[in-house]
């Protein structure tokens, strides 16, 4: 089996291939494809805390829409 490597980010260490990591995704763009764009900062922080409390290893903060023809942030 080939070694997939290790990624370090702050105090976290991700050893790829040893386990499955859980990612919580928070879309900040109001025109998110999934329709879940959160723009209220308090709600964003609360969602991040919920994800961490539920076991998320990684938080993906979608700060800009990838919708075709969307305006850049």
PDB file of N, CA and C in Angstrom:
ATOM      1  N   UNK A   1       0.843  -1.186   0.000  1.00  0.00           N
ATOM      2  CA  UNK A   1       0.000   0.000   0.000  1.00  0.00           C
ATOM      3  C   UNK A   1       0.884   1.244   0.000  1.00  0.00           C
ATOM      4  N   UNK A   2       0.574   2.197  -0.856  1.00  0.00           N
ATOM      5  CA  UNK A   2       1.392   3.400  -0.933  1.00  0.00           C
ATOM      6  C   UNK A   2       1.000   4.391   0.161  1.00  0.00           C
ATOM      7  N   UNK A   3       1.982   5.133   0.619  1.00  0.00           N
ATOM      8  CA  UNK A   3       1.772   6.160   1.641  1.00  0.00           C
ATOM      9  C   UNK A   3       1.124   7.380   0.992  1.00  0.00           C
ATOM     10  N   UNK A   4      -0.018   7.837   1.511  1.00  0.00           N
ATOM     11  CA  UNK A   4      -0.709   8.994   0.960  1.00  0.00           C
ATOM     12  C   UNK A   4      -0.204  10.303   1.535  1.00  0.00           C
ATOM     13  N   UNK A   5       0.488  10.249   2.641  1.00  0.00           N
ATOM     14  CA  UNK A   5       1.068  11.459   3.193  1.00  0.00           C
ATOM     15  C   UNK A   5       0.336  11.999   4.409  1.00  0.00           C
ATOM     16  N   UNK A   6       0.939  13.003   4.959  1.00  0.00           N
ATOM     17  CA  UNK A   6       0.429  13.658   6.158  1.00  0.00           C
ATOM     18  C   UNK A   6       0.327  15.149   5.863  1.00  0.00           C
ATOM     19  N   UNK A   7      -0.788  15.747   6.268  1.00  0.00           N
ATOM     20  CA  UNK A   7      -0.968  17.188   6.150  1.00  0.00           C
ATOM     21  C   UNK A   7      -1.121  17.757   7.547  1.00  0.00           C
ATOM     22  N   UNK A   8      -0.384  18.800   7.850  1.00  0.00           N
ATOM     23  CA  UNK A   8      -0.495  19.465   9.142  1.00  0.00           C
ATOM     24  C   UNK A   8      -1.095  20.847   8.924  1.00  0.00           C
ATOM     25  N   UNK A   9      -2.059  21.189   9.772  1.00  0.00           N
ATOM     26  CA  UNK A   9      -2.710  22.490   9.699  1.00  0.00           C
ATOM     27  C   UNK A   9      -2.951  22.944  11.135  1.00  0.00           C
ATOM     28  N   UNK A  10      -2.186  23.937  11.581  1.00  0.00           N
ATOM     29  CA  UNK A  10      -2.272  24.338  12.987  1.00  0.00           C
ATOM     30  C   UNK A  10      -1.859  23.167  13.861  1.00  0.00           C
ATOM     31  N   UNK A  11      -2.698  22.821  14.829  1.00  0.00           N
ATOM     32  CA  UNK A  11      -2.417  21.690  15.709  1.00  0.00           C
ATOM     33  C   UNK A  11      -2.954  20.373  15.169  1.00  0.00           C
ATOM     34  N   UNK A  12      -3.656  20.425  14.042  1.00  0.00           N
ATOM     35  CA  UNK A  12      -4.256  19.215  13.472  1.00  0.00           C
ATOM     36  C   UNK A  12      -3.266  18.507  12.551  1.00  0.00           C
ATOM     37  N   UNK A  13      -3.367  17.187  12.549  1.00  0.00           N
ATOM     38  CA  UNK A  13      -2.547  16.377  11.662  1.00  0.00           C
ATOM     39  C   UNK A  13      -3.462  15.372  10.975  1.00  0.00           C
ATOM     40  N   UNK A  14      -3.458  15.391   9.655  1.00  0.00           N
ATOM     41  CA  UNK A  14      -4.300  14.501   8.877  1.00  0.00           C
ATOM     42  C   UNK A  14      -3.413  13.448   8.236  1.00  0.00           C
ATOM     43  N   UNK A  15      -3.649  12.186   8.599  1.00  0.00           N
ATOM     44  CA  UNK A  15      -2.886  11.060   8.062  1.00  0.00           C
ATOM     45  C   UNK A  15      -3.778  10.359   7.045  1.00  0.00           C
ATOM     46  N   UNK A  16      -3.656  10.790   5.796  1.00  0.00           N
ATOM     47  CA  UNK A  16      -4.519  10.319   4.726  1.00  0.00           C
ATOM     48  C   UNK A  16      -4.370   8.823   4.523  1.00  0.00           C
ATOM     49  N   UNK A  17      -5.515   8.152   4.393  1.00  0.00           N
ATOM     50  CA  UNK A  17      -5.537   6.719   4.175  1.00  0.00           C
ATOM     51  C   UNK A  17      -5.669   5.903   5.441  1.00  0.00           C
ATOM     52  N   UNK A  18      -5.510   6.525   6.605  1.00  0.00           N
ATOM     53  CA  UNK A  18      -5.625   5.796   7.871  1.00  0.00           C
ATOM     54  C   UNK A  18      -7.056   5.778   8.399  1.00  0.00           C
ATOM     55  N   UNK A  19      -7.826   6.816   8.096  1.00  0.00           N
ATOM     56  CA  UNK A  19      -9.220   6.880   8.532  1.00  0.00           C
ATOM     57  C   UNK A  19      -9.974   7.840   7.621  1.00  0.00           C
ATOM     58  N   UNK A  20     -11.279   7.853   7.762  1.00  0.00           N
ATOM     59  CA  UNK A  20     -12.114   8.780   6.998  1.00  0.00           C
ATOM     60  C   UNK A  20     -12.328  10.035   7.830  1.00  0.00           C
ATOM     61  N   UNK A  21     -12.095  11.184   7.232  1.00  0.00           N
ATOM     62  CA  UNK A  21     -12.298  12.457   7.914  1.00  0.00           C
ATOM     63  C   UNK A  21     -13.649  13.031   7.513  1.00  0.00           C
ATOM     64  N   UNK A  22     -14.274  13.726   8.450  1.00  0.00           N
ATOM     65  CA  UNK A  22     -15.583  14.332   8.221  1.00  0.00           C
ATOM     66  C   UNK A  22     -15.395  15.831   8.022  1.00  0.00           C
ATOM     67  N   UNK A  23     -16.016  16.359   6.948  1.00  0.00           N
ATOM     68  CA  UNK A  23     -15.921  17.785   6.651  1.00  0.00           C
ATOM     69  C   UNK A  23     -17.298  18.426   6.768  1.00  0.00           C
ATOM     70  N   UNK A  24     -17.382  19.503   7.520  1.00  0.00           N
ATOM     71  CA  UNK A  24     -18.596  20.307   7.584  1.00  0.00           C
ATOM     72  C   UNK A  24     -18.452  21.459   6.620  1.00  0.00           C
ATOM     73  N   UNK A  25     -19.460  21.689   5.792  1.00  0.00           N
ATOM     74  CA  UNK A  25     -19.402  22.737   4.782  1.00  0.00           C
ATOM     75  C   UNK A  25     -20.374  23.856   5.131  1.00  0.00           C
ATOM     76  N   UNK A  26     -19.872  25.072   5.167  1.00  0.00           N
ATOM     77  CA  UNK A  26     -20.692  26.245   5.443  1.00  0.00           C
ATOM     78  C   UNK A  26     -20.572  27.173   4.242  1.00  0.00           C
ATOM     79  N   UNK A  27     -21.661  27.331   3.524  1.00  0.00           N
ATOM     80  CA  UNK A  27     -21.686  28.215   2.360  1.00  0.00           C
ATOM     81  C   UNK A  27     -22.101  29.615   2.789  1.00  0.00           C
ATOM     82  N   UNK A  28     -21.241  30.581   2.516  1.00  0.00           N
ATOM     83  CA  UNK A  28     -21.529  31.962   2.906  1.00  0.00           C
ATOM     84  C   UNK A  28     -22.191  32.758   1.796  1.00  0.00           C
ATOM     85  N   UNK A  29     -22.141  32.255   0.589  1.00  0.00           N
ATOM     86  CA  UNK A  29     -22.710  32.973  -0.543  1.00  0.00           C
ATOM     87  C   UNK A  29     -24.227  32.813  -0.567  1.00  0.00           C
ATOM     88  N   UNK A  30     -24.976  33.904  -0.715  1.00  0.00           N
ATOM     89  CA  UNK A  30     -26.431  33.789  -0.743  1.00  0.00           C
ATOM     90  C   UNK A  30     -26.955  33.066  -1.980  1.00  0.00           C
ATOM     91  N   UNK A  31     -26.121  32.904  -3.016  1.00  0.00           N
ATOM     92  CA  UNK A  31     -26.582  32.177  -4.197  1.00  0.00           C
ATOM     93  C   UNK A  31     -25.909  30.806  -4.321  1.00  0.00           C
ATOM     94  N   UNK A  32     -25.709  30.174  -3.181  1.00  0.00           N
ATOM     95  CA  UNK A  32     -25.127  28.839  -3.140  1.00  0.00           C
ATOM     96  C   UNK A  32     -25.966  27.862  -3.960  1.00  0.00           C
ATOM     97  N   UNK A  33     -25.291  26.965  -4.703  1.00  0.00           N
ATOM     98  CA  UNK A  33     -26.004  25.947  -5.474  1.00  0.00           C
ATOM     99  C   UNK A  33     -26.964  25.153  -4.600  1.00  0.00           C
ATOM    100  N   UNK A  34     -26.533  24.849  -3.387  1.00  0.00           N
ATOM    101  CA  UNK A  34     -27.356  24.021  -2.503  1.00  0.00           C
ATOM    102  C   UNK A  34     -28.445  24.820  -1.798  1.00  0.00           C
ATOM    103  N   UNK A  35     -28.435  26.139  -1.959  1.00  0.00           N
ATOM    104  CA  UNK A  35     -29.487  26.961  -1.379  1.00  0.00           C
ATOM    105  C   UNK A  35     -29.361  27.191   0.108  1.00  0.00           C
ATOM    106  N   UNK A  36     -28.189  26.887   0.681  1.00  0.00           N
ATOM    107  CA  UNK A  36     -28.032  27.012   2.129  1.00  0.00           C
ATOM    108  C   UNK A  36     -27.111  28.153   2.532  1.00  0.00           C
ATOM    109  N   UNK A  37     -26.946  29.139   1.674  1.00  0.00           N
ATOM    110  CA  UNK A  37     -26.040  30.242   1.978  1.00  0.00           C
ATOM    111  C   UNK A  37     -26.411  30.939   3.271  1.00  0.00           C
ATOM    112  N   UNK A  38     -25.439  31.066   4.175  1.00  0.00           N
ATOM    113  CA  UNK A  38     -25.647  31.705   5.475  1.00  0.00           C
ATOM    114  C   UNK A  38     -24.892  33.022   5.460  1.00  0.00           C
ATOM    115  N   UNK A  39     -25.580  34.120   5.715  1.00  0.00           N
ATOM    116  CA  UNK A  39     -24.925  35.423   5.684  1.00  0.00           C
ATOM    117  C   UNK A  39     -24.835  36.090   7.052  1.00  0.00           C
ATOM    118  N   UNK A  40     -25.550  35.587   8.034  1.00  0.00           N
ATOM    119  CA  UNK A  40     -25.523  36.152   9.379  1.00  0.00           C
ATOM    120  C   UNK A  40     -24.338  35.558  10.144  1.00  0.00           C
ATOM    121  N   UNK A  41     -23.390  36.407  10.563  1.00  0.00           N
ATOM    122  CA  UNK A  41     -22.166  35.944  11.210  1.00  0.00           C
ATOM    123  C   UNK A  41     -22.440  35.066  12.432  1.00  0.00           C
ATOM    124  N   UNK A  42     -23.410  35.431  13.261  1.00  0.00           N
ATOM    125  CA  UNK A  42     -23.715  34.632  14.451  1.00  0.00           C
ATOM    126  C   UNK A  42     -24.176  33.226  14.059  1.00  0.00           C
ATOM    127  N   UNK A  43     -24.958  33.121  12.981  1.00  0.00           N
ATOM    128  CA  UNK A  43     -25.425  31.807  12.514  1.00  0.00           C
ATOM    129  C   UNK A  43     -24.269  30.988  11.943  1.00  0.00           C
ATOM    130  N   UNK A  44     -23.350  31.665  11.269  1.00  0.00           N
ATOM    131  CA  UNK A  44     -22.176  30.982  10.723  1.00  0.00           C
ATOM    132  C   UNK A  44     -21.355  30.369  11.862  1.00  0.00           C
ATOM    133  N   UNK A  45     -21.080  31.162  12.882  1.00  0.00           N
ATOM    134  CA  UNK A  45     -20.283  30.692  14.017  1.00  0.00           C
ATOM    135  C   UNK A  45     -21.014  29.567  14.747  1.00  0.00           C
ATOM    136  N   UNK A  46     -22.329  29.713  14.927  1.00  0.00           N
ATOM    137  CA  UNK A  46     -23.112  28.666  15.596  1.00  0.00           C
ATOM    138  C   UNK A  46     -23.061  27.359  14.796  1.00  0.00           C
ATOM    139  N   UNK A  47     -23.157  27.456  13.459  1.00  0.00           N
ATOM    140  CA  UNK A  47     -23.091  26.250  12.624  1.00  0.00           C
ATOM    141  C   UNK A  47     -21.706  25.608  12.721  1.00  0.00           C
ATOM    142  N   UNK A  48     -20.673  26.412  12.727  1.00  0.00           N
ATOM    143  CA  UNK A  48     -19.312  25.884  12.863  1.00  0.00           C
ATOM    144  C   UNK A  48     -19.161  25.131  14.181  1.00  0.00           C
ATOM    145  N   UNK A  49     -19.672  25.700  15.267  1.00  0.00           N
ATOM    146  CA  UNK A  49     -19.612  25.028  16.571  1.00  0.00           C
ATOM    147  C   UNK A  49     -20.401  23.715  16.549  1.00  0.00           C
ATOM    148  N   UNK A  50     -21.582  23.725  15.901  1.00  0.00           N
ATOM    149  CA  UNK A  50     -22.376  22.482  15.800  1.00  0.00           C
ATOM    150  C   UNK A  50     -21.593  21.402  15.070  1.00  0.00           C
ATOM    151  N   UNK A  51     -20.982  21.767  13.948  1.00  0.00           N
ATOM    152  CA  UNK A  51     -20.205  20.782  13.186  1.00  0.00           C
ATOM    153  C   UNK A  51     -19.074  20.200  14.037  1.00  0.00           C
ATOM    154  N   UNK A  52     -18.339  21.055  14.723  1.00  0.00           N
ATOM    155  CA  UNK A  52     -17.235  20.585  15.564  1.00  0.00           C
ATOM    156  C   UNK A  52     -17.763  19.690  16.683  1.00  0.00           C
ATOM    157  N   UNK A  53     -18.844  20.102  17.333  1.00  0.00           N
ATOM    158  CA  UNK A  53     -19.428  19.293  18.410  1.00  0.00           C
ATOM    159  C   UNK A  53     -19.947  17.954  17.910  1.00  0.00           C
ATOM    160  N   UNK A  54     -20.319  17.891  16.623  1.00  0.00           N
ATOM    161  CA  UNK A  54     -20.817  16.649  16.031  1.00  0.00           C
ATOM    162  C   UNK A  54     -19.693  15.794  15.451  1.00  0.00           C
ATOM    163  N   UNK A  55     -18.451  16.259  15.593  1.00  0.00           N
ATOM    164  CA  UNK A  55     -17.321  15.435  15.190  1.00  0.00           C
ATOM    165  C   UNK A  55     -16.625  15.810  13.896  1.00  0.00           C
ATOM    166  N   UNK A  56     -16.941  16.950  13.309  1.00  0.00           N
ATOM    167  CA  UNK A  56     -16.266  17.344  12.076  1.00  0.00           C
ATOM    168  C   UNK A  56     -14.775  17.548  12.328  1.00  0.00           C
ATOM    169  N   UNK A  57     -13.972  17.016  11.428  1.00  0.00           N
ATOM    170  CA  UNK A  57     -12.521  17.175  11.505  1.00  0.00           C
ATOM    171  C   UNK A  57     -12.061  18.410  10.751  1.00  0.00           C
ATOM    172  N   UNK A  58     -12.810  18.792   9.714  1.00  0.00           N
ATOM    173  CA  UNK A  58     -12.439  19.880   8.829  1.00  0.00           C
ATOM    174  C   UNK A  58     -13.670  20.753   8.606  1.00  0.00           C
ATOM    175  N   UNK A  59     -13.484  22.070   8.579  1.00  0.00           N
ATOM    176  CA  UNK A  59     -14.558  22.989   8.205  1.00  0.00           C
ATOM    177  C   UNK A  59     -14.189  23.625   6.872  1.00  0.00           C
ATOM    178  N   UNK A  60     -15.077  23.508   5.903  1.00  0.00           N
ATOM    179  CA  UNK A  60     -14.910  24.136   4.585  1.00  0.00           C
ATOM    180  C   UNK A  60     -15.824  25.349   4.562  1.00  0.00           C
ATOM    181  N   UNK A  61     -15.225  26.527   4.521  1.00  0.00           N
ATOM    182  CA  UNK A  61     -15.993  27.763   4.508  1.00  0.00           C
ATOM    183  C   UNK A  61     -16.042  28.267   3.064  1.00  0.00           C
ATOM    184  N   UNK A  62     -17.214  28.153   2.442  1.00  0.00           N
ATOM    185  CA  UNK A  62     -17.388  28.598   1.059  1.00  0.00           C
ATOM    186  C   UNK A  62     -17.680  30.085   1.041  1.00  0.00           C
ATOM    187  N   UNK A  63     -16.663  30.885   0.774  1.00  0.00           N
ATOM    188  CA  UNK A  63     -16.812  32.330   0.859  1.00  0.00           C
ATOM    189  C   UNK A  63     -17.200  33.017  -0.431  1.00  0.00           C
ATOM    190  N   UNK A  64     -17.186  32.277  -1.551  1.00  0.00           N
ATOM    191  CA  UNK A  64     -17.485  32.906  -2.829  1.00  0.00           C
ATOM    192  C   UNK A  64     -18.240  31.916  -3.708  1.00  0.00           C
ATOM    193  N   UNK A  65     -19.238  32.403  -4.393  1.00  0.00           N
ATOM    194  CA  UNK A  65     -20.039  31.558  -5.263  1.00  0.00           C
ATOM    195  C   UNK A  65     -19.228  31.045  -6.449  1.00  0.00           C
ATOM    196  N   UNK A  66     -19.516  29.802  -6.840  1.00  0.00           N
ATOM    197  CA  UNK A  66     -18.912  29.249  -8.056  1.00  0.00           C
ATOM    198  C   UNK A  66     -19.965  29.140  -9.161  1.00  0.00           C
ATOM    199  N   UNK A  67     -21.122  29.753  -8.923  1.00  0.00           N
ATOM    200  CA  UNK A  67     -22.199  29.744  -9.929  1.00  0.00           C
ATOM    201  C   UNK A  67     -21.698  30.445 -11.186  1.00  0.00           C
ATOM    202  N   UNK A  68     -21.981  29.875 -12.355  1.00  0.00           N
ATOM    203  CA  UNK A  68     -21.569  30.551 -13.594  1.00  0.00           C
ATOM    204  C   UNK A  68     -22.095  31.998 -13.631  1.00  0.00           C
ATOM    205  N   UNK A  69     -21.283  32.915 -14.061  1.00  0.00           N
ATOM    206  CA  UNK A  69     -21.600  34.340 -14.188  1.00  0.00           C
ATOM    207  C   UNK A  69     -21.841  35.052 -12.858  1.00  0.00           C
ATOM    208  N   UNK A  70     -21.446  34.423 -11.746  1.00  0.00           N
ATOM    209  CA  UNK A  70     -21.611  35.111 -10.454  1.00  0.00           C
ATOM    210  C   UNK A  70     -20.549  36.202 -10.328  1.00  0.00           C
ATOM    211  N   UNK A  71     -20.855  37.191  -9.521  1.00  0.00           N
ATOM    212  CA  UNK A  71     -19.927  38.293  -9.302  1.00  0.00           C
ATOM    213  C   UNK A  71     -18.845  37.869  -8.307  1.00  0.00           C
ATOM    214  N   UNK A  72     -17.577  38.189  -8.590  1.00  0.00           N
ATOM    215  CA  UNK A  72     -16.524  37.845  -7.642  1.00  0.00           C
ATOM    216  C   UNK A  72     -16.672  38.662  -6.360  1.00  0.00           C
ATOM    217  N   UNK A  73     -16.207  38.085  -5.285  1.00  0.00           N
ATOM    218  CA  UNK A  73     -16.254  38.772  -3.982  1.00  0.00           C
ATOM    219  C   UNK A  73     -15.056  39.687  -3.866  1.00  0.00           C
TER     220      UNK A  73
END
